Protein backbone atom coordinates (compact mmCIF):
# COMPACT_ATOMS: atom_id res chain seq x y z
CA MET A 1 0.20 -0.12 0.11
CA LEU A 2 1.00 3.79 -0.74
CA MET A 3 0.23 5.95 2.35
CA LEU A 4 -0.06 9.44 1.21
CA ASN A 5 -0.54 12.16 4.24
CA LYS A 6 -1.17 9.09 6.33
CA THR A 7 -4.51 8.74 5.27
CA GLU A 8 -4.96 8.41 1.78
CA TRP A 9 -4.34 5.13 -0.15
CA VAL A 10 -3.99 4.74 -4.02
CA PRO A 11 -4.28 1.51 -5.21
CA PRO A 12 -1.72 -0.12 -7.60
CA SER A 13 -4.38 -1.23 -9.41
CA PHE A 14 -8.18 -2.15 -10.11
CA VAL A 15 -10.22 -5.31 -10.73
CA LEU A 16 -12.87 -4.83 -13.20
CA ASN A 17 -15.43 -7.22 -12.30
CA GLY A 18 -17.60 -7.51 -15.26
CA VAL A 19 -21.35 -7.24 -14.97
CA PRO A 20 -22.26 -7.77 -11.16
CA GLY A 21 -24.92 -10.57 -10.39
CA LEU A 22 -24.25 -12.06 -13.68
CA GLU A 23 -21.03 -13.76 -13.18
CA ASP A 24 -22.21 -17.34 -13.74
CA VAL A 25 -23.21 -16.20 -17.35
CA HIS A 26 -20.45 -14.18 -18.47
CA ILE A 27 -19.52 -16.51 -21.11
CA TRP A 28 -23.00 -16.05 -22.67
CA ILE A 29 -22.83 -12.70 -22.38
CA SER A 30 -19.20 -12.78 -24.18
CA PHE A 31 -20.75 -13.87 -27.37
CA PRO A 32 -22.83 -11.02 -28.46
CA PHE A 33 -20.06 -8.55 -27.27
CA CYS A 34 -17.83 -10.35 -29.76
CA SER A 35 -20.24 -10.80 -32.45
CA MET A 36 -21.12 -7.14 -32.45
CA TYR A 37 -17.30 -6.00 -32.21
CA VAL A 38 -16.23 -8.29 -35.35
CA VAL A 39 -19.17 -6.63 -37.22
CA ALA A 40 -17.94 -3.24 -35.72
CA MET A 41 -14.31 -3.26 -36.80
CA ALA A 42 -15.37 -5.22 -39.95
CA GLY A 43 -18.18 -2.59 -40.72
CA ASN A 44 -16.10 0.82 -40.37
CA CYS A 45 -12.83 -0.75 -41.52
CA GLY A 46 -15.00 -1.47 -45.01
CA LEU A 47 -16.43 1.96 -44.81
CA LEU A 48 -13.07 3.69 -44.30
CA TYR A 49 -11.23 1.90 -47.12
CA LEU A 50 -14.40 2.75 -49.37
CA ILE A 51 -14.85 6.66 -48.73
CA TYR A 52 -10.73 6.22 -49.17
CA CYS A 53 -10.73 4.63 -52.48
CA GLU A 54 -13.74 5.60 -54.21
CA ASP A 55 -13.97 9.21 -55.69
CA SER A 56 -17.53 9.27 -55.99
CA LEU A 57 -17.47 9.44 -52.05
CA HIS A 58 -14.74 12.32 -51.71
CA ARG A 59 -17.74 14.54 -50.54
CA PRO A 60 -18.48 16.29 -47.23
CA MET A 61 -21.16 13.80 -45.90
CA TYR A 62 -18.61 10.79 -46.66
CA TYR A 63 -15.80 12.82 -44.82
CA PHE A 64 -18.27 13.27 -41.73
CA LEU A 65 -19.12 9.60 -41.70
CA ALA A 66 -15.16 8.72 -41.96
CA MET A 67 -14.80 10.51 -38.65
CA LEU A 68 -17.84 8.95 -37.27
CA SER A 69 -16.12 5.36 -38.56
CA LEU A 70 -13.07 6.47 -36.88
CA THR A 71 -14.55 7.31 -33.76
CA ASP A 72 -16.67 4.27 -33.41
CA LEU A 73 -13.18 2.14 -33.91
CA VAL A 74 -11.34 3.86 -31.10
CA ILE A 75 -14.37 3.45 -28.42
CA CYS A 76 -14.83 -0.15 -29.25
CA SER A 77 -11.14 -1.09 -29.30
CA SER A 78 -10.79 1.01 -25.84
CA THR A 79 -13.42 -1.50 -23.98
CA VAL A 80 -14.74 -4.61 -25.98
CA PRO A 81 -10.81 -6.58 -25.75
CA LYS A 82 -10.76 -6.06 -21.96
CA ALA A 83 -14.37 -7.12 -21.67
CA LEU A 84 -13.58 -10.13 -23.38
CA CYS A 85 -10.77 -10.87 -21.35
CA ILE A 86 -12.53 -10.66 -18.36
CA PHE A 87 -15.19 -12.82 -19.79
CA TRP A 88 -13.27 -15.58 -21.11
CA PHE A 89 -10.20 -15.66 -18.94
CA HIS A 90 -11.32 -13.99 -15.71
CA PHE A 91 -8.11 -11.53 -16.44
CA LYS A 92 -9.60 -8.93 -14.25
CA LYS A 93 -6.93 -6.53 -12.94
CA ILE A 94 -6.09 -3.18 -14.76
CA GLY A 95 -3.19 -0.88 -13.59
CA PHE A 96 -4.29 2.63 -11.74
CA ASP A 97 -2.79 4.58 -14.65
CA GLY A 98 -4.50 2.10 -17.51
CA CYS A 99 -7.60 2.79 -16.01
CA LEU A 100 -6.99 6.55 -16.20
CA ILE A 101 -6.27 6.22 -19.95
CA GLN A 102 -9.12 3.64 -20.53
CA MET A 103 -11.21 6.44 -18.86
CA PHE A 104 -10.30 9.09 -20.90
CA PHE A 105 -10.59 7.23 -24.42
CA VAL A 106 -13.70 6.47 -23.58
CA HIS A 107 -15.22 9.62 -22.52
CA THR A 108 -12.98 11.30 -25.20
CA PHE A 109 -14.18 9.65 -28.09
CA THR A 110 -17.97 9.20 -26.86
CA GLY A 111 -18.15 12.67 -26.33
CA MET A 112 -16.36 13.60 -30.06
CA GLU A 113 -19.10 10.80 -31.86
CA SER A 114 -21.71 12.92 -30.27
CA GLY A 115 -20.04 15.96 -31.79
CA VAL A 116 -19.77 14.36 -35.03
CA LEU A 117 -23.51 13.63 -35.04
CA MET A 118 -23.99 17.15 -34.74
CA LEU A 119 -21.98 18.17 -37.52
CA MET A 120 -23.38 15.68 -39.72
CA ALA A 121 -26.86 17.25 -38.48
CA LEU A 122 -25.38 20.88 -39.74
CA ASP A 123 -24.27 18.96 -42.92
CA ARG A 124 -27.92 17.93 -43.84
CA TYR A 125 -29.10 21.39 -42.82
CA VAL A 126 -27.03 22.98 -45.75
CA ALA A 127 -27.46 20.50 -48.29
CA ILE A 128 -31.32 20.67 -47.79
CA CYS A 129 -31.63 24.32 -47.35
CA TYR A 130 -28.80 25.77 -49.57
CA PRO A 131 -28.25 23.12 -51.93
CA LEU A 132 -26.37 25.78 -54.38
CA ARG A 133 -23.98 26.69 -51.94
CA TYR A 134 -23.45 23.00 -50.33
CA SER A 135 -20.15 22.88 -51.66
CA THR A 136 -18.61 26.53 -51.44
CA ILE A 137 -19.70 26.36 -47.63
CA LEU A 138 -18.29 22.83 -46.60
CA THR A 139 -14.93 22.88 -48.29
CA ASN A 140 -12.66 20.86 -47.16
CA PRO A 141 -10.60 22.94 -44.83
CA VAL A 142 -13.91 24.01 -43.03
CA ILE A 143 -14.65 20.31 -42.94
CA ALA A 144 -11.24 19.52 -41.19
CA LYS A 145 -11.40 22.31 -39.03
CA ALA A 146 -14.82 21.02 -37.84
CA GLY A 147 -13.69 17.89 -37.14
CA LEU A 148 -10.62 18.88 -35.37
CA SER A 149 -12.47 21.29 -32.85
CA THR A 150 -15.04 18.59 -31.85
CA PHE A 151 -11.75 16.37 -30.98
CA LEU A 152 -10.17 19.20 -29.10
CA ARG A 153 -13.51 19.68 -27.44
CA GLY A 154 -13.45 16.41 -26.09
CA VAL A 155 -9.86 16.11 -24.97
CA LEU A 156 -10.42 19.92 -23.37
CA LEU A 157 -13.01 18.93 -21.20
CA ILE A 158 -12.14 15.10 -20.25
CA ILE A 159 -8.59 15.78 -19.24
CA PRO A 160 -9.97 16.63 -15.89
CA PHE A 161 -11.28 13.49 -15.13
CA PRO A 162 -7.89 11.67 -14.62
CA PHE A 163 -6.82 14.25 -12.42
CA LEU A 164 -9.96 14.37 -10.45
CA ILE A 165 -9.66 10.96 -9.77
CA LYS A 166 -5.89 10.95 -8.74
CA ARG A 167 -6.86 13.26 -5.86
CA LEU A 168 -9.07 11.44 -4.36
CA PRO A 169 -8.24 8.86 -1.35
CA TYR A 170 -9.44 5.12 -1.68
CA CYS A 171 -10.76 3.27 0.95
CA ARG A 172 -13.15 1.23 -0.21
CA GLY A 173 -11.48 -1.59 -1.88
CA ASN A 174 -10.25 -1.63 -5.54
CA VAL A 175 -13.28 -3.63 -7.38
CA ILE A 176 -15.10 -1.54 -9.70
CA PRO A 177 -18.62 -3.31 -10.84
CA HIS A 178 -18.46 -2.86 -14.32
CA THR A 179 -16.49 -4.06 -17.56
CA PHE A 180 -14.35 -0.88 -18.09
CA CYS A 181 -13.39 2.23 -15.86
CA ASP A 182 -15.96 4.73 -15.88
CA HIS A 183 -15.33 7.85 -14.33
CA MET A 184 -18.20 7.71 -11.48
CA SER A 185 -17.78 3.86 -11.22
CA VAL A 186 -13.94 4.92 -10.13
CA ALA A 187 -14.90 7.86 -8.11
CA LYS A 188 -17.30 5.81 -6.03
CA LEU A 189 -14.73 3.98 -4.71
CA SER A 190 -13.41 6.84 -2.93
CA CYS A 191 -14.05 7.54 0.78
CA GLY A 192 -13.36 11.39 0.03
CA ASN A 193 -15.58 14.15 -1.15
CA VAL A 194 -16.53 13.03 -4.88
CA LYS A 195 -18.90 15.94 -5.31
CA VAL A 196 -16.85 18.18 -7.55
CA ASN A 197 -16.22 14.77 -9.81
CA ALA A 198 -20.01 14.71 -10.00
CA ILE A 199 -20.81 17.99 -10.60
CA TYR A 200 -17.88 18.67 -13.41
CA GLY A 201 -19.30 15.16 -14.85
CA LEU A 202 -22.82 16.94 -15.19
CA ILE A 203 -21.24 19.95 -16.53
CA VAL A 204 -19.39 18.01 -19.02
CA ALA A 205 -22.42 16.01 -20.52
CA LEU A 206 -24.42 19.29 -20.49
CA LEU A 207 -21.82 21.12 -22.85
CA ILE A 208 -21.22 18.24 -24.97
CA GLY A 209 -24.27 16.09 -25.13
CA GLY A 210 -26.77 19.14 -24.23
CA PHE A 211 -25.33 21.66 -27.02
CA ASP A 212 -25.29 18.85 -29.52
CA ILE A 213 -28.44 17.40 -28.94
CA LEU A 214 -29.56 21.27 -29.09
CA CYS A 215 -28.11 21.99 -32.80
CA ILE A 216 -29.32 18.92 -34.15
CA THR A 217 -33.25 19.54 -32.63
CA VAL A 218 -32.54 23.19 -34.35
CA SER A 219 -31.31 21.78 -37.49
CA TYR A 220 -33.81 19.12 -38.12
CA THR A 221 -36.59 21.95 -37.23
CA MET A 222 -34.77 24.01 -39.98
CA ILE A 223 -34.98 21.18 -42.28
CA LEU A 224 -38.40 20.12 -41.89
CA ARG A 225 -39.73 23.38 -42.20
CA ALA A 226 -37.80 23.67 -45.25
CA VAL A 227 -39.19 19.88 -46.56
CA VAL A 228 -43.06 20.97 -45.70
CA SER A 229 -42.56 24.10 -48.08
CA LEU A 230 -41.90 21.98 -51.07
CA SER A 231 -44.78 21.68 -53.62
CA SER A 232 -43.92 18.35 -54.73
CA ALA A 233 -44.49 14.85 -52.64
CA GLU A 234 -41.74 13.41 -54.64
CA ALA A 235 -39.44 15.94 -53.66
CA ARG A 236 -40.52 15.85 -49.78
CA ARG A 237 -39.89 12.13 -49.98
CA LYS A 238 -36.51 12.80 -51.71
CA ALA A 239 -35.24 15.36 -48.99
CA PHE A 240 -36.66 12.96 -46.41
CA SER A 241 -35.15 10.05 -47.26
CA THR A 242 -31.64 11.83 -47.47
CA CYS A 243 -31.63 12.07 -43.51
CA THR A 244 -32.74 8.57 -42.86
CA ALA A 245 -29.88 6.98 -41.92
CA HIS A 246 -28.21 10.05 -39.80
CA ILE A 247 -31.80 9.92 -38.07
CA CYS A 248 -31.22 6.29 -37.50
CA ALA A 249 -27.44 7.15 -35.82
CA ILE A 250 -28.80 9.19 -33.49
CA VAL A 251 -31.39 7.15 -32.19
CA PHE A 252 -28.73 4.32 -31.81
CA SER A 253 -26.06 6.43 -30.02
CA TYR A 254 -28.54 8.90 -27.93
CA SER A 255 -31.07 5.99 -26.54
CA PRO A 256 -29.13 3.93 -24.60
CA ALA A 257 -27.34 7.43 -23.23
CA PHE A 258 -30.68 8.75 -22.19
CA PHE A 259 -31.75 5.69 -20.73
CA SER A 260 -28.31 5.27 -18.97
CA PHE A 261 -28.35 9.14 -17.72
CA PHE A 262 -32.01 9.12 -16.24
CA SER A 263 -32.04 5.59 -14.64
CA HIS A 264 -28.75 6.68 -12.59
CA ARG A 265 -30.47 9.46 -11.37
CA PHE A 266 -34.05 8.14 -10.99
CA GLY A 267 -34.19 4.75 -11.37
CA SER A 268 -31.01 3.53 -8.91
CA HIS A 269 -32.95 1.89 -6.79
CA THR A 270 -35.47 0.19 -9.16
CA VAL A 271 -33.10 -0.90 -11.86
CA PRO A 272 -30.87 -3.51 -10.99
CA PRO A 273 -27.00 -2.79 -11.33
CA SER A 274 -26.55 -5.68 -13.92
CA CYS A 275 -29.07 -3.49 -16.06
CA HIS A 276 -27.19 -0.36 -15.75
CA ILE A 277 -24.03 -1.97 -16.82
CA ILE A 278 -25.39 -3.83 -19.85
CA VAL A 279 -26.98 -0.54 -20.93
CA ALA A 280 -23.62 1.41 -20.54
CA ASN A 281 -22.26 -1.35 -22.73
CA ILE A 282 -24.97 -1.25 -25.11
CA TYR A 283 -24.16 2.55 -25.45
CA LEU A 284 -20.57 1.73 -26.40
CA LEU A 285 -21.14 -0.90 -28.84
CA LEU A 286 -24.75 -0.69 -30.81
CA PRO A 287 -23.89 2.54 -33.04
CA PRO A 288 -20.23 0.84 -34.02
CA THR A 289 -22.25 -2.10 -34.72
CA MET A 290 -25.00 -0.75 -36.40
CA ASN A 291 -23.48 2.95 -38.03
CA PRO A 292 -22.07 0.97 -41.20
CA VAL A 293 -24.81 -1.18 -41.68
CA VAL A 294 -27.27 1.43 -41.84
CA TYR A 295 -25.45 3.60 -44.03
CA GLY A 296 -24.49 0.83 -46.32
CA VAL A 297 -28.41 0.03 -46.44
CA LYS A 298 -29.67 3.53 -47.15
CA THR A 299 -27.00 5.08 -49.00
CA LYS A 300 -27.21 4.05 -52.48
CA GLN A 301 -23.81 5.23 -53.47
CA ILE A 302 -22.17 3.31 -50.65
CA ARG A 303 -24.31 0.08 -52.13
CA ASP A 304 -23.26 0.92 -55.66
CA CYS A 305 -19.75 0.78 -54.53
CA VAL A 306 -19.96 -2.44 -52.54
CA LEU A 307 -21.61 -4.32 -55.35
CA GLY A 308 -19.06 -2.52 -58.06
CA ILE A 309 -16.18 -4.03 -56.00
CA LEU A 310 -17.89 -7.34 -55.27
CA SER A 311 -18.23 -7.88 -59.15
CA GLY A 312 -15.08 -6.35 -59.95
CA SER A 313 -16.01 -3.30 -61.77
CA LYS A 314 -14.74 -0.32 -59.79
CA ASN A 315 -16.61 2.66 -60.50
CA THR A 316 -14.51 5.60 -59.13
CA LYS A 317 -16.41 8.10 -61.89
CA SER A 318 -17.79 11.23 -59.70
CA GLN A 319 -21.50 11.10 -59.36
CA ASN A 320 -24.17 13.42 -58.62
CA ASN A 321 -24.16 13.53 -54.37
CA GLU A 322 -27.20 12.16 -53.31
CA TRP A 323 -26.85 13.86 -50.39
CA ALA A 324 -27.17 17.35 -51.40
CA PHE A 325 -30.79 17.65 -52.23
CA PRO A 326 -31.27 19.28 -55.44
CA GLY A 327 -34.92 20.12 -55.15
CA ARG A 328 -34.67 23.37 -53.21
CA LYS A 329 -33.21 26.53 -55.33
CA ARG A 330 -32.16 28.68 -52.41
CA GLU A 331 -28.95 30.58 -52.07
């Protein structure tokens, strides 16, 4: 043990206990985890390969989609391998610094995923409401700066988390009832005052999630107003269809996040801990698994590229951008 100021003990490592109460069925829980991880890795790597190789996908919406895929790959790879080691081999120990690193990556890139979804909503707004200026507004430098700003926002807001954890004294053991190092799950092991951790965590959630949801809501409100004003039913259908995949991505990402957020605060005594842990893992695994599937099914250009590669006829000729809706002539 390390004694600091005669009262504070910093554990050299933590023990991740998996899903509490379901230890006997860890091996069965691991199968959907592993399957989703394989699909997420294959789908997102394939999507990145397509966007890199196909000239017809070198457009703003697909650049944002590439950012989303990269983010999903980092989130999956930060959590699932360790969870599978817990389920399969009972390798539950994780070093103190390793836990802080995992915490930083998980929270930073979940925040970045939310930011990328917000950028994609703004992209849809520009594509539908200002189609003639789409390519001049969303230039490559603008896209790069938007992506970098989203990443830096996550880093700057999350970087205090490890320092807030390191300042705490620990006297309640070192067993974390989780599959990964979550900020408040680690903080709850402390016998010190964790009010600062809780308040700062709530502020970060509002600054990232609250701001992004507000921007997405405003963007889709403006999109809805623009689409409803169109006179042609076919034009309205086409405009809505360009948003379908993005709306699905939003649902997959925010639904488990909302459930986890509200159940922790209002249903902590009625929702079993195992349910909290499973939903937290679904929040990290479901979007990376489903996003490539949804975009592959709903996006004609991605489907055409996949079919072209499978048939051996790679088509790199630039096509009309189906994401920039041409039915609304507005400057």
